[in-house]
């Protein structure tokens, strides 16, 4: 794993962003880094102070963000109404043998949103 990319991922986010772990992603996503022949990105859970998000912004109904940091302006996220739900989703991806395709995959009917 690239030490510089790992430092970027873990050090440039605000301290209230909770690191949930690394998840495997589809190699065709053209993001993340390769480690042990797998493409991975870190996942974070956070609740922004104000409106946040490019594709679909946070709202009073969906204030929690599950953020997959692809690095260099290629990121994806899902919105949740509760912190617990966002963390359960993160744990599903972190703890299971799942490879995420951000373009095609859904989580309980929710499509991944692109974030610049």
N, C-alpha and C. Protein backbone atom coordinates (compact mmCIF):
# COMPACT_ATOMS: atom_id res chain seq x y z
N UNK A 1 0.85 -1.18 0.00
CA UNK A 1 0.00 0.00 0.00
C UNK A 1 0.89 1.23 0.00
N UNK A 2 0.55 2.19 -0.80
CA UNK A 2 1.32 3.42 -0.89
C UNK A 2 1.24 4.20 0.43
N UNK A 3 2.39 4.43 1.04
CA UNK A 3 2.42 5.14 2.32
C UNK A 3 1.90 6.57 2.17
N UNK A 4 2.24 7.23 1.07
CA UNK A 4 1.77 8.61 0.89
C UNK A 4 0.26 8.67 0.72
N UNK A 5 -0.32 7.70 0.00
CA UNK A 5 -1.78 7.69 -0.18
C UNK A 5 -2.46 7.35 1.15
N UNK A 6 -1.89 6.43 1.89
CA UNK A 6 -2.46 6.08 3.19
C UNK A 6 -2.45 7.30 4.12
N UNK A 7 -1.36 8.05 4.15
CA UNK A 7 -1.30 9.27 4.96
C UNK A 7 -2.33 10.29 4.50
N UNK A 8 -2.47 10.44 3.20
CA UNK A 8 -3.47 11.37 2.65
C UNK A 8 -4.86 10.98 3.14
N UNK A 9 -5.21 9.70 3.00
CA UNK A 9 -6.55 9.25 3.38
C UNK A 9 -6.82 9.43 4.86
N UNK A 10 -5.87 9.09 5.68
CA UNK A 10 -6.12 9.07 7.11
C UNK A 10 -5.85 10.40 7.81
N UNK A 11 -5.14 11.31 7.17
CA UNK A 11 -4.78 12.55 7.83
C UNK A 11 -5.48 13.80 7.30
N UNK A 12 -6.06 13.76 6.10
CA UNK A 12 -6.62 15.00 5.55
C UNK A 12 -8.10 15.19 5.87
N UNK A 13 -8.74 14.22 6.49
CA UNK A 13 -10.15 14.35 6.83
C UNK A 13 -10.33 15.00 8.20
N UNK A 14 -11.45 15.69 8.41
CA UNK A 14 -11.71 16.27 9.73
C UNK A 14 -11.73 15.18 10.81
N UNK A 15 -11.40 15.54 12.04
CA UNK A 15 -11.31 14.54 13.11
C UNK A 15 -12.65 13.88 13.46
N UNK A 16 -13.77 14.49 13.09
CA UNK A 16 -15.06 13.87 13.41
C UNK A 16 -15.50 12.85 12.36
N UNK A 17 -14.70 12.65 11.32
CA UNK A 17 -14.98 11.59 10.34
C UNK A 17 -14.46 10.28 10.92
N UNK A 18 -15.31 9.32 11.13
CA UNK A 18 -14.89 8.04 11.72
C UNK A 18 -14.47 7.07 10.61
N UNK A 19 -13.23 6.61 10.69
CA UNK A 19 -12.69 5.64 9.75
C UNK A 19 -13.30 4.28 10.07
N UNK A 20 -13.95 3.66 9.06
CA UNK A 20 -14.63 2.39 9.28
C UNK A 20 -13.82 1.19 8.78
N UNK A 21 -12.86 1.42 7.91
CA UNK A 21 -12.05 0.33 7.36
C UNK A 21 -11.90 0.47 5.86
N UNK A 22 -11.19 -0.48 5.28
CA UNK A 22 -10.99 -0.49 3.83
C UNK A 22 -11.96 -1.48 3.19
N UNK A 23 -12.44 -1.13 2.00
CA UNK A 23 -13.36 -1.99 1.26
C UNK A 23 -12.78 -2.27 -0.12
N UNK A 24 -13.13 -3.45 -0.63
CA UNK A 24 -12.70 -3.82 -1.98
C UNK A 24 -13.63 -3.18 -2.99
N UNK A 25 -13.03 -2.74 -4.11
CA UNK A 25 -13.83 -2.11 -5.17
C UNK A 25 -13.49 -2.75 -6.52
N UNK A 26 -14.40 -2.59 -7.45
CA UNK A 26 -14.21 -3.09 -8.81
C UNK A 26 -13.02 -2.36 -9.43
N UNK A 27 -12.07 -3.08 -10.03
CA UNK A 27 -10.90 -2.44 -10.65
C UNK A 27 -11.27 -1.46 -11.76
N UNK A 28 -12.42 -1.64 -12.39
CA UNK A 28 -12.82 -0.74 -13.46
C UNK A 28 -13.27 0.63 -12.96
N UNK A 29 -13.39 0.80 -11.65
CA UNK A 29 -13.79 2.10 -11.08
C UNK A 29 -12.70 3.16 -11.26
N UNK A 30 -11.48 2.75 -11.54
CA UNK A 30 -10.36 3.66 -11.76
C UNK A 30 -10.13 4.60 -10.58
N UNK A 31 -10.18 4.06 -9.37
CA UNK A 31 -9.87 4.85 -8.19
C UNK A 31 -9.32 3.93 -7.11
N UNK A 32 -8.91 4.51 -6.00
CA UNK A 32 -8.35 3.73 -4.92
C UNK A 32 -6.91 3.33 -5.20
N UNK A 33 -6.44 2.34 -4.46
CA UNK A 33 -5.09 1.83 -4.66
C UNK A 33 -5.15 0.31 -4.70
N UNK A 34 -4.09 -0.29 -5.23
CA UNK A 34 -4.00 -1.74 -5.32
C UNK A 34 -3.15 -2.24 -4.16
N UNK A 35 -3.68 -3.20 -3.42
CA UNK A 35 -2.94 -3.85 -2.36
C UNK A 35 -3.24 -5.34 -2.43
N UNK A 36 -2.22 -6.14 -2.44
CA UNK A 36 -2.36 -7.60 -2.55
C UNK A 36 -3.29 -7.97 -3.71
N UNK A 37 -3.10 -7.31 -4.85
CA UNK A 37 -3.86 -7.57 -6.08
C UNK A 37 -5.34 -7.20 -6.00
N UNK A 38 -5.72 -6.40 -5.02
CA UNK A 38 -7.10 -5.93 -4.90
C UNK A 38 -7.12 -4.40 -4.86
N UNK A 39 -8.14 -3.83 -5.46
CA UNK A 39 -8.34 -2.37 -5.39
C UNK A 39 -9.13 -2.08 -4.13
N UNK A 40 -8.68 -1.11 -3.34
CA UNK A 40 -9.35 -0.77 -2.09
C UNK A 40 -9.47 0.74 -1.92
N UNK A 41 -10.47 1.13 -1.13
CA UNK A 41 -10.63 2.52 -0.69
C UNK A 41 -11.07 2.49 0.77
N UNK A 42 -10.78 3.56 1.52
CA UNK A 42 -11.26 3.64 2.90
C UNK A 42 -12.70 4.16 2.95
N UNK A 43 -13.41 3.76 3.98
CA UNK A 43 -14.76 4.27 4.21
C UNK A 43 -14.78 5.05 5.51
N UNK A 44 -15.51 6.16 5.48
CA UNK A 44 -15.67 7.03 6.64
C UNK A 44 -17.16 7.28 6.86
N UNK A 45 -17.56 7.51 8.11
CA UNK A 45 -18.91 7.93 8.44
C UNK A 45 -18.81 9.27 9.14
N UNK A 46 -19.65 10.21 8.73
CA UNK A 46 -19.66 11.52 9.38
C UNK A 46 -21.00 12.21 9.17
N UNK A 47 -21.21 13.24 9.97
CA UNK A 47 -22.40 14.09 9.86
C UNK A 47 -21.90 15.51 9.68
N UNK A 48 -22.03 16.06 8.47
CA UNK A 48 -21.53 17.42 8.23
C UNK A 48 -22.36 18.47 8.95
N UNK A 49 -21.73 19.61 9.19
CA UNK A 49 -22.40 20.73 9.86
C UNK A 49 -23.51 21.32 9.00
N UNK A 50 -23.23 21.48 7.72
CA UNK A 50 -24.21 22.06 6.80
C UNK A 50 -24.49 21.11 5.67
N UNK A 51 -25.11 21.63 4.61
CA UNK A 51 -25.41 20.80 3.45
C UNK A 51 -24.11 20.31 2.82
N UNK A 52 -24.09 19.03 2.42
CA UNK A 52 -22.88 18.43 1.88
C UNK A 52 -23.27 17.44 0.79
N UNK A 53 -22.50 17.37 -0.29
CA UNK A 53 -22.71 16.38 -1.34
C UNK A 53 -22.97 17.00 -2.69
N UNK A 54 -22.37 16.40 -3.72
CA UNK A 54 -22.53 16.90 -5.10
C UNK A 54 -23.82 16.39 -5.75
N UNK A 55 -23.95 15.07 -5.87
CA UNK A 55 -25.09 14.49 -6.59
C UNK A 55 -26.40 14.73 -5.87
N UNK A 56 -26.49 14.26 -4.64
CA UNK A 56 -27.65 14.46 -3.78
C UNK A 56 -27.14 14.98 -2.45
N UNK A 57 -27.46 16.21 -2.08
CA UNK A 57 -26.93 16.75 -0.82
C UNK A 57 -27.63 16.19 0.41
N UNK A 58 -26.94 16.29 1.54
CA UNK A 58 -27.52 15.89 2.81
C UNK A 58 -28.75 16.75 3.09
N UNK A 59 -29.56 16.28 4.01
CA UNK A 59 -30.78 17.01 4.36
C UNK A 59 -31.11 16.69 5.82
N UNK A 60 -32.16 17.30 6.32
CA UNK A 60 -32.60 17.00 7.69
C UNK A 60 -33.01 15.53 7.80
N UNK A 61 -33.56 14.97 6.72
CA UNK A 61 -33.99 13.58 6.72
C UNK A 61 -32.81 12.61 6.58
N UNK A 62 -31.78 13.01 5.82
CA UNK A 62 -30.61 12.15 5.57
C UNK A 62 -29.32 12.92 5.87
N UNK A 63 -29.00 13.11 7.15
CA UNK A 63 -27.84 13.92 7.50
C UNK A 63 -26.52 13.15 7.62
N UNK A 64 -26.56 11.81 7.65
CA UNK A 64 -25.34 11.02 7.84
C UNK A 64 -24.79 10.55 6.51
N UNK A 65 -23.45 10.61 6.37
CA UNK A 65 -22.78 10.28 5.12
C UNK A 65 -21.87 9.08 5.34
N UNK A 66 -21.99 8.09 4.44
CA UNK A 66 -21.01 7.01 4.34
C UNK A 66 -20.19 7.34 3.10
N UNK A 67 -18.92 7.62 3.30
CA UNK A 67 -18.05 8.18 2.27
C UNK A 67 -16.94 7.21 1.91
N UNK A 68 -16.85 6.85 0.63
CA UNK A 68 -15.77 6.02 0.11
C UNK A 68 -14.80 6.94 -0.62
N UNK A 69 -13.63 7.13 -0.05
CA UNK A 69 -12.66 8.10 -0.57
C UNK A 69 -11.78 7.44 -1.63
N UNK A 70 -12.07 7.74 -2.89
CA UNK A 70 -11.29 7.20 -3.99
C UNK A 70 -10.01 7.96 -4.24
N UNK A 71 -9.87 9.11 -3.62
CA UNK A 71 -8.69 9.94 -3.82
C UNK A 71 -8.79 10.77 -5.09
N UNK A 72 -8.21 11.95 -5.05
CA UNK A 72 -8.10 12.81 -6.23
C UNK A 72 -9.42 13.04 -6.97
N UNK A 73 -10.40 13.56 -6.29
CA UNK A 73 -11.68 13.96 -6.88
C UNK A 73 -12.50 12.82 -7.48
N UNK A 74 -12.37 11.63 -6.96
CA UNK A 74 -13.17 10.49 -7.41
C UNK A 74 -13.66 9.74 -6.18
N UNK A 75 -14.77 10.19 -5.64
CA UNK A 75 -15.29 9.65 -4.40
C UNK A 75 -16.76 9.31 -4.57
N UNK A 76 -17.25 8.44 -3.70
CA UNK A 76 -18.66 8.05 -3.73
C UNK A 76 -19.22 8.06 -2.32
N UNK A 77 -20.55 8.24 -2.22
CA UNK A 77 -21.16 8.28 -0.91
C UNK A 77 -22.61 7.80 -0.95
N UNK A 78 -23.10 7.42 0.22
CA UNK A 78 -24.51 7.11 0.46
C UNK A 78 -24.97 7.95 1.63
N UNK A 79 -26.23 8.36 1.62
CA UNK A 79 -26.80 9.14 2.72
C UNK A 79 -27.72 8.27 3.58
N UNK A 80 -27.73 8.57 4.88
CA UNK A 80 -28.54 7.81 5.83
C UNK A 80 -29.21 8.76 6.81
N UNK A 81 -30.33 8.31 7.35
CA UNK A 81 -31.05 9.10 8.35
C UNK A 81 -30.47 8.96 9.74
N UNK A 82 -29.77 7.84 10.00
CA UNK A 82 -29.22 7.61 11.33
C UNK A 82 -27.78 7.13 11.23
N UNK A 83 -27.00 7.50 12.22
CA UNK A 83 -25.60 7.07 12.28
C UNK A 83 -25.50 5.55 12.29
N UNK A 84 -26.36 4.90 13.06
CA UNK A 84 -26.33 3.44 13.17
C UNK A 84 -26.48 2.78 11.79
N UNK A 85 -27.38 3.27 10.98
CA UNK A 85 -27.60 2.70 9.64
C UNK A 85 -26.38 2.88 8.75
N UNK A 86 -25.75 4.05 8.82
CA UNK A 86 -24.54 4.30 8.02
C UNK A 86 -23.42 3.35 8.44
N UNK A 87 -23.26 3.15 9.74
CA UNK A 87 -22.21 2.25 10.23
C UNK A 87 -22.51 0.79 9.90
N UNK A 88 -23.77 0.41 9.94
CA UNK A 88 -24.13 -0.96 9.56
C UNK A 88 -23.79 -1.22 8.09
N UNK A 89 -24.05 -0.25 7.24
CA UNK A 89 -23.71 -0.38 5.83
C UNK A 89 -22.20 -0.50 5.66
N UNK A 90 -21.44 0.35 6.34
CA UNK A 90 -19.98 0.29 6.26
C UNK A 90 -19.48 -1.07 6.73
N UNK A 91 -20.01 -1.55 7.83
CA UNK A 91 -19.59 -2.85 8.37
C UNK A 91 -19.92 -3.98 7.41
N UNK A 92 -21.03 -3.88 6.71
CA UNK A 92 -21.39 -4.88 5.71
C UNK A 92 -20.29 -4.97 4.65
N UNK A 93 -19.87 -3.83 4.13
CA UNK A 93 -18.85 -3.82 3.09
C UNK A 93 -17.46 -4.18 3.63
N UNK A 94 -17.13 -3.71 4.81
CA UNK A 94 -15.80 -3.98 5.39
C UNK A 94 -15.65 -5.44 5.79
N UNK A 95 -16.69 -6.03 6.37
CA UNK A 95 -16.59 -7.36 6.97
C UNK A 95 -16.99 -8.52 6.07
N UNK A 96 -17.50 -8.25 4.88
CA UNK A 96 -17.92 -9.32 3.99
C UNK A 96 -17.08 -9.30 2.72
N UNK A 97 -17.11 -10.39 2.03
CA UNK A 97 -16.33 -10.52 0.80
C UNK A 97 -17.10 -9.89 -0.36
N UNK A 98 -17.26 -8.58 -0.30
CA UNK A 98 -18.04 -7.84 -1.28
C UNK A 98 -17.09 -6.94 -2.08
N UNK A 99 -17.27 -6.92 -3.39
CA UNK A 99 -16.52 -6.01 -4.25
C UNK A 99 -17.51 -4.98 -4.76
N UNK A 100 -17.30 -3.71 -4.44
CA UNK A 100 -18.24 -2.66 -4.81
C UNK A 100 -17.97 -2.15 -6.22
N UNK A 101 -19.04 -2.07 -7.01
CA UNK A 101 -19.02 -1.37 -8.29
C UNK A 101 -19.91 -0.15 -8.09
N UNK A 102 -19.28 1.01 -7.89
CA UNK A 102 -20.04 2.21 -7.53
C UNK A 102 -21.06 2.63 -8.58
N UNK A 103 -20.85 2.25 -9.83
CA UNK A 103 -21.77 2.63 -10.90
C UNK A 103 -23.02 1.74 -10.89
N UNK A 104 -22.85 0.45 -10.66
CA UNK A 104 -23.95 -0.50 -10.78
C UNK A 104 -24.59 -0.90 -9.45
N UNK A 105 -23.81 -0.96 -8.38
CA UNK A 105 -24.30 -1.52 -7.13
C UNK A 105 -25.25 -0.58 -6.38
N UNK A 106 -26.08 -1.21 -5.57
CA UNK A 106 -26.99 -0.51 -4.68
C UNK A 106 -26.89 -1.16 -3.31
N UNK A 107 -27.23 -0.40 -2.30
CA UNK A 107 -27.34 -0.93 -0.94
C UNK A 107 -28.76 -0.64 -0.47
N UNK A 108 -29.54 -1.69 -0.31
CA UNK A 108 -30.95 -1.57 0.10
C UNK A 108 -31.69 -0.54 -0.74
N UNK A 109 -31.49 -0.62 -2.05
CA UNK A 109 -32.19 0.25 -2.98
C UNK A 109 -31.57 1.62 -3.18
N UNK A 110 -30.47 1.89 -2.51
CA UNK A 110 -29.82 3.20 -2.64
C UNK A 110 -28.64 3.10 -3.60
N UNK A 111 -28.58 4.03 -4.54
CA UNK A 111 -27.47 4.09 -5.50
C UNK A 111 -26.36 4.95 -4.93
N UNK A 112 -25.13 4.55 -5.21
CA UNK A 112 -23.98 5.35 -4.81
C UNK A 112 -23.98 6.67 -5.57
N UNK A 113 -23.64 7.74 -4.89
CA UNK A 113 -23.59 9.08 -5.48
C UNK A 113 -22.13 9.48 -5.68
N UNK A 114 -21.84 10.19 -6.76
CA UNK A 114 -20.49 10.63 -7.04
C UNK A 114 -20.20 11.96 -6.33
N UNK A 115 -19.00 12.08 -5.78
CA UNK A 115 -18.59 13.32 -5.09
C UNK A 115 -17.26 13.77 -5.65
N UNK A 116 -17.20 15.00 -6.09
CA UNK A 116 -15.95 15.58 -6.58
C UNK A 116 -15.13 16.12 -5.45
